[in-house]
Amino acid sequence: MKPPPHLFLIHGTYGNPQENWFPWLKAQAEKMGISVSAPRFPTPEGQNLSHWQEVFDRESQNIPPENLILICHSIGAAFALRQAENSPAAFRALILAAPFVDPLGLPDFDDLNVSFIAAPFNWAAIRQNADVIACFAGDNDPYVPQSFSKKVADHAGASLALIPQGGHLNKAAGFTQFSDLWDFLSGLWKESL
C-alpha cells in the first residue's frame, strides 16, 4: 500500500495560494486527513524560475517525490513540469489546470513567465518522472488557447479534460471550487487511504 499523498499547490502569475479553488481544495483534502502545502511564490515582484525553485525546495525538502501530488494553475503547470524534468524520483502525480509552455502574446504575463518556458522541455524525462499526469482546461480560456493546453497534454502523454465554459479555471470564471479535479484526485488515492 502506498503512503498517504501530500498535495502541493502551485499558483500562477499574479496569483497566491488563497485564490480561486485552492482554499476549497485544501479544506477538502485536510478533512480527509491529507496533508497540503500551499506556499506563496513571488509574483509579480521577483517572479522567475530560480526564485520559485527556492520556495519549492524549502517547502518540499522533507517530502519524497513519490508522495507528492503537484496541483498547479496556469504558469504553475510549467513550473511543475520543470520539477518533473529534473526530479531524482517520480512524483505521484502532476495535475495541471490551464497549462501552457509557450508565450501567451500578453506582455504583462510573458515578461514574467519567460524564465519558466524559455528552454525546451525534456518531455521524455517528464513522462518518466510522474506516475500520473492530467490536464484540465476551459474550452473558452481568455488567456491560454485550448491548443496550448492540448500541446502540453500531448507531449506529456496526459489526459486533457475540457471544462465547458471553464474560462481560465479561476475565480473570475466562477471556480472557487473545482469538483472535476477533486473527483480525479479522489480516484488517485483510494488505494492509499
Protein backbone atom coordinates (compact mmCIF):
# COMPACT_ATOMS: atom_id res chain seq x y z
CA MET A 1 0.00 0.00 0.00
CA LYS A 2 1.30 3.45 -0.92
CA PRO A 3 1.95 6.06 1.76
CA PRO A 4 -0.64 8.84 2.03
CA PRO A 5 -0.28 11.52 -0.64
CA HIS A 6 0.86 15.05 0.11
CA LEU A 7 -0.74 17.74 -2.04
CA PHE A 8 1.45 20.63 -3.12
CA LEU A 9 -0.44 23.59 -4.61
CA ILE A 10 1.29 25.91 -7.08
CA HIS A 11 -0.49 29.12 -8.10
CA GLY A 12 0.09 31.21 -11.21
CA THR A 13 1.44 34.60 -12.21
CA TYR A 14 -0.06 37.44 -10.10
CA GLY A 15 -1.63 34.67 -8.01
CA ASN A 16 -1.49 33.45 -4.43
CA PRO A 17 -2.49 30.32 -2.50
CA GLN A 18 -5.67 31.93 -1.15
CA GLU A 19 -7.28 32.49 -4.56
CA ASN A 20 -9.51 30.56 -6.92
CA TRP A 21 -10.24 26.96 -5.83
CA PHE A 22 -7.06 26.42 -3.80
CA PRO A 23 -8.58 27.15 -0.35
CA TRP A 24 -11.54 24.88 -1.08
CA LEU A 25 -9.31 22.06 -2.32
CA LYS A 26 -7.02 22.39 0.70
CA ALA A 27 -10.00 22.22 3.07
CA GLN A 28 -11.46 19.19 1.26
CA ALA A 29 -8.16 17.32 1.48
CA GLU A 30 -7.48 18.21 5.10
CA LYS A 31 -10.97 16.98 6.07
CA MET A 32 -9.80 13.58 4.80
CA GLY A 33 -6.55 13.76 6.76
CA ILE A 34 -4.42 14.53 3.69
CA SER A 35 -1.59 16.99 4.23
CA VAL A 36 -1.35 20.01 1.95
CA SER A 37 1.36 22.58 1.24
CA ALA A 38 0.25 25.85 -0.33
CA PRO A 39 3.19 28.27 -0.31
CA ARG A 40 3.20 31.76 -1.76
CA PHE A 41 5.57 32.09 -4.71
CA PRO A 42 6.99 35.54 -5.53
CA THR A 43 4.85 37.30 -8.12
CA PRO A 44 4.89 39.72 -9.80
CA GLU A 45 7.94 41.14 -8.00
CA GLY A 46 10.79 38.65 -8.04
CA GLN A 47 8.98 36.16 -10.26
CA ASN A 48 11.42 33.88 -12.02
CA LEU A 49 12.18 30.19 -12.15
CA SER A 50 15.09 30.29 -9.70
CA HIS A 51 13.15 32.24 -7.03
CA TRP A 52 10.22 29.84 -7.33
CA GLN A 53 12.65 26.92 -7.15
CA GLU A 54 13.97 28.22 -3.82
CA VAL A 55 10.43 28.25 -2.40
CA PHE A 56 9.64 24.78 -3.72
CA ASP A 57 12.90 23.27 -2.43
CA ARG A 58 12.37 24.77 1.02
CA GLU A 59 8.72 23.72 1.30
CA SER A 60 9.14 20.19 -0.10
CA GLN A 61 12.53 19.23 1.35
CA ASN A 62 11.18 16.58 3.74
CA ILE A 63 8.60 15.05 1.37
CA PRO A 64 9.68 12.26 -1.02
CA PRO A 65 8.60 12.90 -4.62
CA GLU A 66 6.70 9.60 -4.68
CA ASN A 67 4.31 11.04 -2.05
CA LEU A 68 3.84 14.39 -3.80
CA ILE A 69 0.90 15.33 -5.99
CA LEU A 70 1.64 18.70 -7.58
CA ILE A 71 -1.58 20.60 -8.32
CA CYS A 72 -0.94 23.66 -10.42
CA HIS A 73 -2.68 26.54 -12.14
CA SER A 74 -1.52 28.42 -15.23
CA ILE A 75 2.27 29.09 -15.18
CA GLY A 76 2.38 26.88 -12.09
CA ALA A 77 1.91 23.98 -14.51
CA ALA A 78 5.09 24.85 -16.41
CA PHE A 79 6.89 25.11 -13.08
CA ALA A 80 5.65 21.63 -12.11
CA LEU A 81 6.83 20.24 -15.44
CA ARG A 82 10.29 21.65 -14.66
CA GLN A 83 10.20 19.81 -11.32
CA ALA A 84 9.39 16.52 -13.03
CA GLU A 85 12.02 17.14 -15.67
CA ASN A 86 14.76 17.31 -13.03
CA SER A 87 13.45 15.06 -10.26
CA PRO A 88 15.58 12.18 -8.94
CA ALA A 89 12.38 10.14 -8.48
CA ALA A 90 8.89 10.06 -9.94
CA PHE A 91 6.17 12.26 -8.46
CA ARG A 92 2.88 10.56 -7.51
CA ALA A 93 1.05 12.87 -9.93
CA LEU A 94 1.03 16.20 -11.74
CA ILE A 95 -2.41 17.81 -12.04
CA LEU A 96 -2.21 20.78 -14.40
CA ALA A 97 -5.02 23.34 -14.73
CA ALA A 98 -4.85 25.70 -17.74
CA PRO A 99 -1.31 24.53 -18.62
CA PHE A 100 0.89 26.13 -21.27
CA VAL A 101 4.57 26.16 -22.23
CA ASP A 102 4.53 28.91 -24.87
CA PRO A 103 4.35 32.72 -24.73
CA LEU A 104 0.73 33.86 -24.50
CA GLY A 105 1.18 37.03 -26.52
CA LEU A 106 0.30 39.04 -23.39
CA PRO A 107 3.29 41.20 -22.38
CA ASP A 108 2.12 41.60 -18.76
CA PHE A 109 2.37 37.82 -18.41
CA ASP A 110 5.03 36.84 -20.96
CA ASP A 111 7.72 39.02 -19.38
CA LEU A 112 7.16 37.31 -16.01
CA ASN A 113 6.78 33.79 -17.43
CA VAL A 114 9.77 33.74 -19.78
CA SER A 115 12.25 32.02 -17.43
CA PHE A 116 9.81 29.13 -16.89
CA ILE A 117 9.30 28.33 -20.57
CA ALA A 118 12.34 29.67 -22.48
CA ALA A 119 14.32 26.42 -22.52
CA PRO A 120 12.92 23.37 -24.33
CA PHE A 121 11.18 20.82 -22.10
CA ASN A 122 12.52 17.28 -21.78
CA TRP A 123 9.21 15.52 -22.27
CA ALA A 124 10.67 12.02 -22.02
CA ALA A 125 12.07 12.83 -18.56
CA ILE A 126 8.76 14.44 -17.55
CA ARG A 127 6.77 11.35 -18.56
CA GLN A 128 9.24 9.12 -16.72
CA ASN A 129 9.19 11.24 -13.55
CA ALA A 130 5.43 11.37 -12.95
CA ASP A 131 3.28 8.30 -12.33
CA VAL A 132 0.19 10.21 -13.49
CA ILE A 133 -0.20 13.45 -15.43
CA ALA A 134 -3.62 15.00 -16.03
CA CYS A 135 -4.57 18.31 -17.63
CA PHE A 136 -7.70 20.41 -17.26
CA ALA A 137 -8.58 23.36 -19.50
CA GLY A 138 -11.55 25.63 -20.03
CA ASP A 139 -12.92 25.44 -23.56
CA ASN A 140 -13.07 29.26 -23.67
CA ASP A 141 -9.95 30.34 -21.74
CA PRO A 142 -9.35 34.05 -22.46
CA TYR A 143 -5.61 33.77 -21.71
CA VAL A 144 -4.48 30.27 -22.68
CA PRO A 145 -5.62 28.98 -26.08
CA GLN A 146 -7.04 25.47 -25.92
CA SER A 147 -4.36 24.35 -28.40
CA PHE A 148 -1.66 25.34 -25.86
CA SER A 149 -3.12 23.06 -23.19
CA LYS A 150 -3.57 20.28 -25.74
CA LYS A 151 0.10 20.60 -26.69
CA VAL A 152 1.11 20.07 -23.04
CA ALA A 153 -1.20 17.07 -22.70
CA ASP A 154 0.03 15.52 -25.95
CA HIS A 155 3.72 15.94 -25.11
CA ALA A 156 3.23 14.74 -21.54
CA GLY A 157 1.16 11.72 -22.56
CA ALA A 158 -1.60 13.09 -20.34
CA SER A 159 -5.36 13.13 -20.38
CA LEU A 160 -6.98 16.51 -21.15
CA ALA A 161 -10.37 17.27 -19.64
CA LEU A 162 -12.06 20.21 -21.34
CA ILE A 163 -14.38 22.09 -18.99
CA PRO A 164 -17.34 23.70 -20.81
CA GLN A 165 -17.36 27.48 -20.21
CA GLY A 166 -14.47 26.99 -17.78
CA GLY A 167 -12.58 30.12 -18.80
CA HIS A 168 -9.19 30.24 -17.10
CA LEU A 169 -10.46 27.90 -14.35
CA ASN A 170 -10.19 30.77 -11.89
CA LYS A 171 -12.48 32.75 -9.62
CA ALA A 172 -13.36 35.15 -12.44
CA ALA A 173 -14.81 32.14 -14.30
CA GLY A 174 -16.70 31.02 -11.18
CA PHE A 175 -14.12 28.50 -9.97
CA THR A 176 -13.96 28.83 -6.21
CA GLN A 177 -14.48 25.04 -6.20
CA PHE A 178 -13.25 22.51 -8.76
CA SER A 179 -15.25 19.31 -8.42
CA ASP A 180 -13.91 17.71 -11.63
CA LEU A 181 -10.36 17.99 -10.35
CA TRP A 182 -11.38 16.77 -6.88
CA ASP A 183 -13.12 13.73 -8.37
CA PHE A 184 -9.99 12.88 -10.36
CA LEU A 185 -7.81 13.25 -7.27
CA SER A 186 -10.12 11.09 -5.18
CA GLY A 187 -9.66 8.27 -7.66
CA LEU A 188 -5.88 8.54 -7.33
CA TRP A 189 -5.63 7.97 -3.63
CA LYS A 190 -8.39 5.46 -2.93
CA GLU A 191 -5.79 2.69 -2.65
CA SER A 192 -3.72 4.58 -0.07
CA LEU A 193 -6.35 5.86 2.38
